[in-house]
Amino acid sequence: MTDTDTSPTDPDTGGKTDPRLLELLICPVTRTPLSYDRERQELVSKKAKLAYPIRDGLPIMLESEARSLDGA
C-alpha cells in the first residue's frame, strides 16, 4: 500500500471491512437489505429474523451461521 491508498475501513469491524461493502450485501434468504449492528458486529435481516456475524472483518453470510432473532 502507498500513502495515497484511500480505501476506507471501519475500525468497528476490525478495520478490515469496507463500509461500502456492507451497504451492498443482501440477505441470502430473503434477498432484502441488511442493517449493520455495530455493537454486536452483525448484519441483521429483519424480514428473515436472522443476524449474520462479522468475524475478523468478514461477513459470514451463511444461514447456518446466523443467529435467530426469534426470542433473542
PDB file of N, CA and C in Angstrom:
ATOM      1  N   MET A   1       0.828  -1.183   0.000  1.00  0.00           N
ATOM      2  CA  MET A   1       0.000   0.000   0.000  1.00  0.00           C
ATOM      3  C   MET A   1       0.870   1.243   0.000  1.00  0.00           C
ATOM      4  N   THR A   2       0.308   2.253  -0.545  1.00  0.00           N
ATOM      5  CA  THR A   2       1.011   3.527  -0.570  1.00  0.00           C
ATOM      6  C   THR A   2       0.262   4.523   0.288  1.00  0.00           C
ATOM      7  N   ASP A   3       0.880   5.663   0.520  1.00  0.00           N
ATOM      8  CA  ASP A   3       0.238   6.711   1.296  1.00  0.00           C
ATOM      9  C   ASP A   3      -0.985   7.273   0.580  1.00  0.00           C
ATOM     10  N   THR A   4      -1.105   7.039  -0.725  1.00  0.00           N
ATOM     11  CA  THR A   4      -2.230   7.568  -1.482  1.00  0.00           C
ATOM     12  C   THR A   4      -3.415   6.621  -1.490  1.00  0.00           C
ATOM     13  N   ASP A   5      -3.274   5.440  -0.884  1.00  0.00           N
ATOM     14  CA  ASP A   5      -4.383   4.500  -0.808  1.00  0.00           C
ATOM     15  C   ASP A   5      -5.446   5.075   0.121  1.00  0.00           C
ATOM     16  N   THR A   6      -6.639   5.313  -0.416  1.00  0.00           N
ATOM     17  CA  THR A   6      -7.698   5.931   0.376  1.00  0.00           C
ATOM     18  C   THR A   6      -8.841   4.970   0.650  1.00  0.00           C
ATOM     19  N   SER A   7      -8.570   3.671   0.622  1.00  0.00           N
ATOM     20  CA  SER A   7      -9.618   2.694   0.897  1.00  0.00           C
ATOM     21  C   SER A   7     -10.114   2.876   2.316  1.00  0.00           C
ATOM     22  N   PRO A   8     -11.391   3.207   2.474  1.00  0.00           N
ATOM     23  CA  PRO A   8     -11.903   3.397   3.832  1.00  0.00           C
ATOM     24  C   PRO A   8     -12.090   2.063   4.532  1.00  0.00           C
ATOM     25  N   THR A   9     -11.804   2.052   5.802  1.00  0.00           N
ATOM     26  CA  THR A   9     -12.076   0.876   6.623  1.00  0.00           C
ATOM     27  C   THR A   9     -12.792   1.340   7.869  1.00  0.00           C
ATOM     28  N   ASP A  10     -13.540   0.467   8.450  1.00  0.00           N
ATOM     29  CA  ASP A  10     -14.301   0.782   9.644  1.00  0.00           C
ATOM     30  C   ASP A  10     -13.609   0.147  10.840  1.00  0.00           C
ATOM     31  N   PRO A  11     -13.114   0.950  11.769  1.00  0.00           N
ATOM     32  CA  PRO A  11     -12.419   0.377  12.923  1.00  0.00           C
ATOM     33  C   PRO A  11     -13.319  -0.520  13.756  1.00  0.00           C
ATOM     34  N   ASP A  12     -14.627  -0.328  13.681  1.00  0.00           N
ATOM     35  CA  ASP A  12     -15.547  -1.145  14.463  1.00  0.00           C
ATOM     36  C   ASP A  12     -15.743  -2.533  13.874  1.00  0.00           C
ATOM     37  N   THR A  13     -15.291  -2.773  12.651  1.00  0.00           N
ATOM     38  CA  THR A  13     -15.374  -4.112  12.066  1.00  0.00           C
ATOM     39  C   THR A  13     -13.977  -4.696  11.934  1.00  0.00           C
ATOM     40  N   GLY A  14     -13.106  -4.334  12.841  1.00  0.00           N
ATOM     41  CA  GLY A  14     -11.761  -4.873  12.828  1.00  0.00           C
ATOM     42  C   GLY A  14     -10.855  -4.154  11.841  1.00  0.00           C
ATOM     43  N   GLY A  15     -11.353  -3.049  11.264  1.00  0.00           N
ATOM     44  CA  GLY A  15     -10.541  -2.288  10.327  1.00  0.00           C
ATOM     45  C   GLY A  15     -10.317  -3.000   9.016  1.00  0.00           C
ATOM     46  N   LYS A  16     -11.098  -4.047   8.725  1.00  0.00           N
ATOM     47  CA  LYS A  16     -10.852  -4.831   7.532  1.00  0.00           C
ATOM     48  C   LYS A  16     -12.008  -4.806   6.543  1.00  0.00           C
ATOM     49  N   THR A  17     -13.164  -4.350   6.955  1.00  0.00           N
ATOM     50  CA  THR A  17     -14.329  -4.363   6.086  1.00  0.00           C
ATOM     51  C   THR A  17     -14.628  -2.966   5.585  1.00  0.00           C
ATOM     52  N   ASP A  18     -14.735  -2.847   4.285  1.00  0.00           N
ATOM     53  CA  ASP A  18     -15.100  -1.585   3.680  1.00  0.00           C
ATOM     54  C   ASP A  18     -16.577  -1.338   3.963  1.00  0.00           C
ATOM     55  N   PRO A  19     -16.935  -0.234   4.614  1.00  0.00           N
ATOM     56  CA  PRO A  19     -18.337   0.018   4.939  1.00  0.00           C
ATOM     57  C   PRO A  19     -19.232   0.037   3.699  1.00  0.00           C
ATOM     58  N   ARG A  20     -18.670   0.386   2.551  1.00  0.00           N
ATOM     59  CA  ARG A  20     -19.467   0.375   1.317  1.00  0.00           C
ATOM     60  C   ARG A  20     -19.882  -1.047   0.966  1.00  0.00           C
ATOM     61  N   LEU A  21     -19.053  -2.034   1.313  1.00  0.00           N
ATOM     62  CA  LEU A  21     -19.388  -3.432   1.074  1.00  0.00           C
ATOM     63  C   LEU A  21     -20.618  -3.823   1.880  1.00  0.00           C
ATOM     64  N   LEU A  22     -20.667  -3.396   3.130  1.00  0.00           N
ATOM     65  CA  LEU A  22     -21.790  -3.736   3.989  1.00  0.00           C
ATOM     66  C   LEU A  22     -23.100  -3.207   3.427  1.00  0.00           C
ATOM     67  N   GLU A  23     -23.044  -2.057   2.755  1.00  0.00           N
ATOM     68  CA  GLU A  23     -24.239  -1.461   2.166  1.00  0.00           C
ATOM     69  C   GLU A  23     -24.731  -2.256   0.958  1.00  0.00           C
ATOM     70  N   LEU A  24     -23.841  -2.978   0.308  1.00  0.00           N
ATOM     71  CA  LEU A  24     -24.194  -3.729  -0.896  1.00  0.00           C
ATOM     72  C   LEU A  24     -24.727  -5.126  -0.611  1.00  0.00           C
ATOM     73  N   LEU A  25     -24.415  -5.661   0.548  1.00  0.00           N
ATOM     74  CA  LEU A  25     -24.822  -7.026   0.864  1.00  0.00           C
ATOM     75  C   LEU A  25     -26.317  -7.119   1.106  1.00  0.00           C
ATOM     76  N   ILE A  26     -26.898  -8.245   0.697  1.00  0.00           N
ATOM     77  CA  ILE A  26     -28.303  -8.516   0.945  1.00  0.00           C
ATOM     78  C   ILE A  26     -28.434  -9.858   1.648  1.00  0.00           C
ATOM     79  N   CYS A  27     -29.561 -10.067   2.269  1.00  0.00           N
ATOM     80  CA  CYS A  27     -29.822 -11.331   2.952  1.00  0.00           C
ATOM     81  C   CYS A  27     -29.874 -12.455   1.925  1.00  0.00           C
ATOM     82  N   PRO A  28     -29.123 -13.524   2.131  1.00  0.00           N
ATOM     83  CA  PRO A  28     -29.153 -14.633   1.178  1.00  0.00           C
ATOM     84  C   PRO A  28     -30.463 -15.414   1.211  1.00  0.00           C
ATOM     85  N   VAL A  29     -31.250 -15.248   2.258  1.00  0.00           N
ATOM     86  CA  VAL A  29     -32.527 -15.964   2.385  1.00  0.00           C
ATOM     87  C   VAL A  29     -33.656 -15.185   1.716  1.00  0.00           C
ATOM     88  N   THR A  30     -33.768 -13.898   2.046  1.00  0.00           N
ATOM     89  CA  THR A  30     -34.894 -13.093   1.567  1.00  0.00           C
ATOM     90  C   THR A  30     -34.553 -12.159   0.413  1.00  0.00           C
ATOM     91  N   ARG A  31     -33.271 -11.973   0.160  1.00  0.00           N
ATOM     92  CA  ARG A  31     -32.803 -11.036  -0.874  1.00  0.00           C
ATOM     93  C   ARG A  31     -33.217  -9.587  -0.583  1.00  0.00           C
ATOM     94  N   THR A  32     -33.287  -9.262   0.702  1.00  0.00           N
ATOM     95  CA  THR A  32     -33.635  -7.907   1.131  1.00  0.00           C
ATOM     96  C   THR A  32     -32.420  -7.257   1.791  1.00  0.00           C
ATOM     97  N   PRO A  33     -32.423  -5.924   1.897  1.00  0.00           N
ATOM     98  CA  PRO A  33     -31.286  -5.225   2.516  1.00  0.00           C
ATOM     99  C   PRO A  33     -31.078  -5.632   3.970  1.00  0.00           C
ATOM    100  N   LEU A  34     -29.839  -5.491   4.410  1.00  0.00           N
ATOM    101  CA  LEU A  34     -29.446  -5.794   5.781  1.00  0.00           C
ATOM    102  C   LEU A  34     -29.136  -4.502   6.514  1.00  0.00           C
ATOM    103  N   SER A  35     -29.283  -4.516   7.819  1.00  0.00           N
ATOM    104  CA  SER A  35     -28.842  -3.378   8.621  1.00  0.00           C
ATOM    105  C   SER A  35     -27.637  -3.822   9.449  1.00  0.00           C
ATOM    106  N   TYR A  36     -26.742  -2.894   9.683  1.00  0.00           N
ATOM    107  CA  TYR A  36     -25.499  -3.187  10.393  1.00  0.00           C
ATOM    108  C   TYR A  36     -25.664  -2.860  11.868  1.00  0.00           C
ATOM    109  N   ASP A  37     -25.467  -3.852  12.713  1.00  0.00           N
ATOM    110  CA  ASP A  37     -25.475  -3.668  14.161  1.00  0.00           C
ATOM    111  C   ASP A  37     -24.022  -3.577  14.607  1.00  0.00           C
ATOM    112  N   ARG A  38     -23.561  -2.370  14.792  1.00  0.00           N
ATOM    113  CA  ARG A  38     -22.161  -2.109  15.123  1.00  0.00           C
ATOM    114  C   ARG A  38     -21.772  -2.727  16.467  1.00  0.00           C
ATOM    115  N   GLU A  39     -22.652  -2.631  17.439  1.00  0.00           N
ATOM    116  CA  GLU A  39     -22.346  -3.130  18.785  1.00  0.00           C
ATOM    117  C   GLU A  39     -22.152  -4.645  18.805  1.00  0.00           C
ATOM    118  N   ARG A  40     -23.013  -5.370  18.106  1.00  0.00           N
ATOM    119  CA  ARG A  40     -22.925  -6.831  18.097  1.00  0.00           C
ATOM    120  C   ARG A  40     -22.085  -7.375  16.952  1.00  0.00           C
ATOM    121  N   GLN A  41     -21.638  -6.499  16.051  1.00  0.00           N
ATOM    122  CA  GLN A  41     -20.858  -6.923  14.883  1.00  0.00           C
ATOM    123  C   GLN A  41     -21.645  -7.948  14.071  1.00  0.00           C
ATOM    124  N   GLU A  42     -22.844  -7.530  13.644  1.00  0.00           N
ATOM    125  CA  GLU A  42     -23.719  -8.398  12.875  1.00  0.00           C
ATOM    126  C   GLU A  42     -24.405  -7.604  11.773  1.00  0.00           C
ATOM    127  N   LEU A  43     -24.811  -8.324  10.740  1.00  0.00           N
ATOM    128  CA  LEU A  43     -25.678  -7.785   9.710  1.00  0.00           C
ATOM    129  C   LEU A  43     -27.042  -8.422   9.938  1.00  0.00           C
ATOM    130  N   VAL A  44     -28.061  -7.591  10.100  1.00  0.00           N
ATOM    131  CA  VAL A  44     -29.370  -8.065  10.517  1.00  0.00           C
ATOM    132  C   VAL A  44     -30.367  -8.023   9.368  1.00  0.00           C
ATOM    133  N   SER A  45     -31.049  -9.142   9.188  1.00  0.00           N
ATOM    134  CA  SER A  45     -32.160  -9.233   8.248  1.00  0.00           C
ATOM    135  C   SER A  45     -33.436  -9.265   9.073  1.00  0.00           C
ATOM    136  N   LYS A  46     -34.157  -8.145   9.096  1.00  0.00           N
ATOM    137  CA  LYS A  46     -35.393  -8.085   9.875  1.00  0.00           C
ATOM    138  C   LYS A  46     -36.453  -9.004   9.281  1.00  0.00           C
ATOM    139  N   LYS A  47     -36.490  -9.107   7.959  1.00  0.00           N
ATOM    140  CA  LYS A  47     -37.502  -9.939   7.309  1.00  0.00           C
ATOM    141  C   LYS A  47     -37.273 -11.427   7.599  1.00  0.00           C
ATOM    142  N   ALA A  48     -36.027 -11.889   7.552  1.00  0.00           N
ATOM    143  CA  ALA A  48     -35.714 -13.296   7.832  1.00  0.00           C
ATOM    144  C   ALA A  48     -35.568 -13.569   9.325  1.00  0.00           C
ATOM    145  N   LYS A  49     -35.490 -12.498  10.111  1.00  0.00           N
ATOM    146  CA  LYS A  49     -35.273 -12.598  11.558  1.00  0.00           C
ATOM    147  C   LYS A  49     -33.983 -13.358  11.865  1.00  0.00           C
ATOM    148  N   LEU A  50     -32.924 -12.966  11.124  1.00  0.00           N
ATOM    149  CA  LEU A  50     -31.604 -13.561  11.296  1.00  0.00           C
ATOM    150  C   LEU A  50     -30.556 -12.468  11.418  1.00  0.00           C
ATOM    151  N   ALA A  51     -29.485 -12.773  12.148  1.00  0.00           N
ATOM    152  CA  ALA A  51     -28.349 -11.864  12.275  1.00  0.00           C
ATOM    153  C   ALA A  51     -27.093 -12.622  11.854  1.00  0.00           C
ATOM    154  N   TYR A  52     -26.439 -12.124  10.812  1.00  0.00           N
ATOM    155  CA  TYR A  52     -25.228 -12.755  10.280  1.00  0.00           C
ATOM    156  C   TYR A  52     -24.007 -12.128  10.959  1.00  0.00           C
ATOM    157  N   PRO A  53     -23.112 -12.943  11.501  1.00  0.00           N
ATOM    158  CA  PRO A  53     -21.958 -12.402  12.218  1.00  0.00           C
ATOM    159  C   PRO A  53     -20.902 -11.814  11.281  1.00  0.00           C
ATOM    160  N   ILE A  54     -20.146 -10.885  11.830  1.00  0.00           N
ATOM    161  CA  ILE A  54     -18.959 -10.364  11.153  1.00  0.00           C
ATOM    162  C   ILE A  54     -17.786 -10.801  12.012  1.00  0.00           C
ATOM    163  N   ARG A  55     -16.939 -11.658  11.454  1.00  0.00           N
ATOM    164  CA  ARG A  55     -15.783 -12.184  12.191  1.00  0.00           C
ATOM    165  C   ARG A  55     -14.502 -11.751  11.512  1.00  0.00           C
ATOM    166  N   ASP A  56     -13.617 -11.150  12.280  1.00  0.00           N
ATOM    167  CA  ASP A  56     -12.337 -10.655  11.756  1.00  0.00           C
ATOM    168  C   ASP A  56     -12.545  -9.779  10.528  1.00  0.00           C
ATOM    169  N   GLY A  57     -13.622  -8.996  10.546  1.00  0.00           N
ATOM    170  CA  GLY A  57     -13.892  -8.076   9.458  1.00  0.00           C
ATOM    171  C   GLY A  57     -14.587  -8.696   8.259  1.00  0.00           C
ATOM    172  N   LEU A  58     -14.930  -9.984   8.339  1.00  0.00           N
ATOM    173  CA  LEU A  58     -15.567 -10.669   7.209  1.00  0.00           C
ATOM    174  C   LEU A  58     -16.999 -11.053   7.552  1.00  0.00           C
ATOM    175  N   PRO A  59     -17.968 -10.588   6.752  1.00  0.00           N
ATOM    176  CA  PRO A  59     -19.353 -11.001   6.973  1.00  0.00           C
ATOM    177  C   PRO A  59     -19.524 -12.478   6.635  1.00  0.00           C
ATOM    178  N   ILE A  60     -20.112 -13.229   7.538  1.00  0.00           N
ATOM    179  CA  ILE A  60     -20.372 -14.655   7.327  1.00  0.00           C
ATOM    180  C   ILE A  60     -21.832 -14.776   6.887  1.00  0.00           C
ATOM    181  N   MET A  61     -22.037 -14.909   5.589  1.00  0.00           N
ATOM    182  CA  MET A  61     -23.374 -14.843   5.012  1.00  0.00           C
ATOM    183  C   MET A  61     -23.967 -16.243   4.796  1.00  0.00           C
ATOM    184  N   LEU A  62     -23.857 -17.083   5.793  1.00  0.00           N
ATOM    185  CA  LEU A  62     -24.409 -18.433   5.740  1.00  0.00           C
ATOM    186  C   LEU A  62     -25.566 -18.537   6.724  1.00  0.00           C
ATOM    187  N   GLU A  63     -26.695 -19.050   6.240  1.00  0.00           N
ATOM    188  CA  GLU A  63     -27.855 -19.186   7.111  1.00  0.00           C
ATOM    189  C   GLU A  63     -27.521 -20.063   8.323  1.00  0.00           C
ATOM    190  N   SER A  64     -26.702 -21.070   8.127  1.00  0.00           N
ATOM    191  CA  SER A  64     -26.336 -21.973   9.218  1.00  0.00           C
ATOM    192  C   SER A  64     -25.497 -21.291  10.300  1.00  0.00           C
ATOM    193  N   GLU A  65     -24.863 -20.174   9.973  1.00  0.00           N
ATOM    194  CA  GLU A  65     -24.042 -19.429  10.936  1.00  0.00           C
ATOM    195  C   GLU A  65     -24.795 -18.270  11.552  1.00  0.00           C
ATOM    196  N   ALA A  66     -25.973 -17.958  11.026  1.00  0.00           N
ATOM    197  CA  ALA A  66     -26.740 -16.807  11.503  1.00  0.00           C
ATOM    198  C   ALA A  66     -27.416 -17.098  12.840  1.00  0.00           C
ATOM    199  N   ARG A  67     -27.572 -16.052  13.613  1.00  0.00           N
ATOM    200  CA  ARG A  67     -28.269 -16.128  14.905  1.00  0.00           C
ATOM    201  C   ARG A  67     -29.726 -15.772  14.657  1.00  0.00           C
ATOM    202  N   SER A  68     -30.619 -16.582  15.204  1.00  0.00           N
ATOM    203  CA  SER A  68     -32.050 -16.307  15.079  1.00  0.00           C
ATOM    204  C   SER A  68     -32.430 -15.140  15.978  1.00  0.00           C
ATOM    205  N   LEU A  69     -33.257 -14.246  15.457  1.00  0.00           N
ATOM    206  CA  LEU A  69     -33.727 -13.118  16.256  1.00  0.00           C
ATOM    207  C   LEU A  69     -35.016 -13.462  16.996  1.00  0.00           C
ATOM    208  N   ASP A  70     -35.594 -14.604  16.725  1.00  0.00           N
ATOM    209  CA  ASP A  70     -36.771 -15.053  17.461  1.00  0.00           C
ATOM    210  C   ASP A  70     -36.359 -15.428  18.872  1.00  0.00           C
ATOM    211  N   GLY A  71     -36.885 -14.714  19.841  1.00  0.00           N
ATOM    212  CA  GLY A  71     -36.562 -15.000  21.239  1.00  0.00           C
ATOM    213  C   GLY A  71     -35.150 -14.648  21.633  1.00  0.00           C
ATOM    214  N   ALA A  72     -34.467 -13.808  20.828  1.00  0.00           N
ATOM    215  CA  ALA A  72     -33.067 -13.468  21.111  1.00  0.00           C
ATOM    216  C   ALA A  72     -32.947 -12.488  22.238  1.00  0.00           C
TER     217      ALA A  72
END
